[in-house]
Protein backbone atom coordinates (compact mmCIF):
# COMPACT_ATOMS: atom_id res chain seq x y z
CA MET A 1 0.00 0.00 0.00
CA ALA A 2 2.81 2.42 0.72
CA LEU A 3 3.76 2.42 -2.97
CA THR A 4 0.26 3.31 -4.16
CA PRO A 5 0.36 6.78 -5.72
CA SER A 6 -1.59 9.49 -3.96
CA THR A 7 -4.81 10.71 -5.56
CA MET A 8 -5.80 13.18 -2.86
CA LEU A 9 -6.43 16.86 -3.22
CA PRO A 10 -3.50 19.23 -2.78
CA LEU A 11 -2.91 20.59 0.71
CA GLY A 12 -4.67 23.92 1.20
CA THR A 13 -7.77 22.77 -0.71
CA THR A 14 -11.14 23.19 1.02
CA ALA A 15 -12.06 19.91 2.70
CA PRO A 16 -14.91 18.09 0.89
CA ASP A 17 -18.13 17.85 2.87
CA PHE A 18 -19.36 14.56 4.29
CA ARG A 19 -22.49 13.41 6.13
CA LEU A 20 -22.23 9.81 7.32
CA PRO A 21 -23.77 7.53 9.97
CA ASP A 22 -21.73 6.42 12.97
CA THR A 23 -21.88 3.12 14.84
CA ASN A 24 -24.63 4.47 17.14
CA GLY A 25 -26.97 5.51 14.32
CA LYS A 26 -26.13 9.21 14.59
CA THR A 27 -25.03 11.25 11.58
CA ALA A 28 -21.80 13.24 11.57
CA ALA A 29 -20.94 15.95 9.04
CA LEU A 30 -17.92 18.11 8.39
CA ALA A 31 -19.85 21.16 9.65
CA ASP A 32 -20.32 19.49 13.05
CA PHE A 33 -16.64 20.10 13.76
CA LYS A 34 -16.34 23.74 12.66
CA ASP A 35 -15.67 24.95 16.22
CA ASN A 36 -12.88 22.46 16.92
CA ALA A 37 -9.25 23.53 16.74
CA ALA A 38 -8.59 20.81 14.15
CA LEU A 39 -10.33 17.82 12.63
CA LEU A 40 -8.44 14.63 11.97
CA VAL A 41 -10.16 12.41 9.39
CA ILE A 42 -8.85 8.87 9.35
CA PHE A 43 -9.68 6.53 6.46
CA MET A 44 -9.44 2.99 7.82
CA CYS A 45 -11.20 -0.32 8.17
CA ASN A 46 -11.28 -3.14 10.72
CA HIS A 47 -9.63 -5.90 8.69
CA CYS A 48 -6.49 -4.00 7.69
CA PRO A 49 -3.37 -5.37 9.43
CA TYR A 50 -1.90 -1.85 9.72
CA VAL A 51 -5.04 -0.64 11.48
CA LYS A 52 -4.99 -3.60 13.85
CA TYR A 53 -1.36 -2.84 14.55
CA ILE A 54 -1.93 0.82 15.50
CA ARG A 55 -5.35 0.58 17.16
CA GLY A 56 -3.92 1.20 20.64
CA GLY A 57 -2.09 4.26 19.33
CA LEU A 58 -5.30 5.61 17.81
CA ALA A 59 -7.12 5.28 21.12
CA GLN A 60 -4.23 7.06 22.87
CA LEU A 61 -4.16 9.78 20.21
CA ALA A 62 -7.79 10.56 21.01
CA ARG A 63 -7.16 10.59 24.77
CA ASP A 64 -4.30 13.03 24.20
CA TYR A 65 -5.88 15.42 21.70
CA LEU A 66 -9.64 15.49 22.27
CA PRO A 67 -9.18 17.38 25.57
CA ARG A 68 -7.13 19.96 23.64
CA GLY A 69 -9.99 20.83 21.31
CA ALA A 70 -9.20 18.57 18.38
CA ALA A 71 -11.85 16.34 16.85
CA ILE A 72 -11.31 12.94 15.25
CA VAL A 73 -13.49 10.87 12.95
CA ARG A 74 -12.71 7.55 11.36
CA ILE A 75 -14.30 6.64 8.01
CA ASN A 76 -14.68 3.10 6.72
CA SER A 77 -15.79 2.84 3.09
CA ASN A 78 -15.23 -0.87 2.53
CA ASP A 79 -17.91 -3.09 1.05
CA ALA A 80 -19.19 -5.15 3.97
CA ALA A 81 -20.32 -7.91 1.58
CA ASN A 82 -16.72 -8.42 0.45
CA TYR A 83 -15.21 -7.62 3.86
CA PRO A 84 -17.65 -8.84 6.56
CA GLU A 85 -15.23 -7.75 9.30
CA ASP A 86 -15.80 -4.16 8.12
CA SER A 87 -19.60 -4.21 8.52
CA PRO A 88 -21.30 -1.55 10.65
CA ALA A 89 -22.01 -4.15 13.35
CA LYS A 90 -18.33 -5.15 13.48
CA MET A 91 -17.35 -1.47 13.46
CA LYS A 92 -19.45 -0.97 16.58
CA GLU A 93 -17.70 -3.92 18.25
CA GLU A 94 -14.31 -2.43 17.29
CA VAL A 95 -15.15 0.94 18.86
CA LYS A 96 -15.96 -0.75 22.15
CA SER A 97 -13.07 -3.22 22.04
CA ALA A 98 -10.42 -0.63 21.11
CA GLY A 99 -11.80 2.07 23.41
CA TYR A 100 -12.17 4.69 20.69
CA LEU A 101 -13.55 8.01 21.93
CA PHE A 102 -14.36 9.34 18.45
CA PRO A 103 -17.05 8.61 15.85
CA TYR A 104 -16.46 5.69 13.48
CA LEU A 105 -18.40 6.51 10.32
CA TYR A 106 -19.55 4.19 7.55
CA ASP A 107 -19.59 5.33 3.93
CA GLU A 108 -21.62 2.78 2.03
CA THR A 109 -21.16 4.68 -1.23
CA ARG A 110 -17.65 3.17 -1.52
CA PRO A 111 -14.97 3.76 -2.43
CA PRO A 112 -13.99 6.85 -0.42
CA PRO A 113 -14.20 10.02 -2.45
CA ARG A 114 -10.94 9.80 -4.35
CA PRO A 115 -10.17 13.51 -4.24
CA ILE A 116 -9.85 13.38 -0.45
CA ALA A 117 -9.02 9.75 0.21
CA PRO A 118 -5.39 8.88 0.77
CA PRO A 119 -3.93 5.77 -0.84
CA ALA A 120 -2.95 3.94 2.34
CA PRO A 121 -5.36 3.02 5.14
CA ARG A 122 -3.09 4.40 7.83
CA THR A 123 -2.92 7.86 6.29
CA PHE A 124 -4.59 10.85 7.93
CA ILE A 125 -5.94 14.15 6.73
CA SER A 126 -6.43 17.10 9.03
CA SER A 127 -8.79 19.99 8.41
CA THR A 128 -8.17 23.18 10.36
CA LYS A 129 -10.70 25.83 11.39
CA THR A 130 -10.14 27.40 7.97
CA GLY A 131 -11.64 24.27 6.44
CA SER A 132 -8.58 23.49 4.38
CA LEU A 133 -6.67 20.24 4.08
CA SER A 134 -3.48 20.87 5.98
CA ILE A 135 -1.74 17.59 6.82
CA ALA A 136 -1.36 14.19 5.20
CA ALA A 137 0.69 11.79 7.26
CA SER A 138 0.91 8.31 8.71
CA LEU A 139 0.73 7.49 12.39
CA THR A 140 3.52 4.97 11.91
CA THR A 141 5.91 3.72 9.29
CA ALA A 142 6.33 0.45 11.15
CA VAL A 143 5.32 -2.81 9.51
CA PRO A 144 3.00 -5.17 11.43
CA ALA A 145 4.76 -8.12 13.09
CA THR A 146 8.21 -6.71 12.37
CA GLU A 147 8.50 -3.43 14.25
CA PHE A 148 7.06 -1.52 17.18
CA PRO A 149 4.24 0.94 16.32
């Protein structure tokens, strides 16, 4: 995945809007986070080995930054028919099991909107109060089963 070329929008571009259901049946939209200092949008799914590898780090990231005014959402756009582990029901189990303090959203329109979606599942995009895409980075460069996260 790391060698997949990026197809995301250039940094500084206005973040595309979204309105998606979370694991509790509530809807979250980009506008819901306009008063936060920053919004971290994470494109991931349950079955990805990289995601499994960094899940503890994601939970800690939220514990560290939510109290500072940042917001985090995680978006899964996988086809649950092809990836049953990525179904909304399994997403809900993952939130509880991992201790995530942020919404885990499901985008059944799959695949993620290519202008915003990064090529690797462990890649993040941050939107600031200005509404622009400002960061694209990975939480880790470690490889599952070979390195520490």
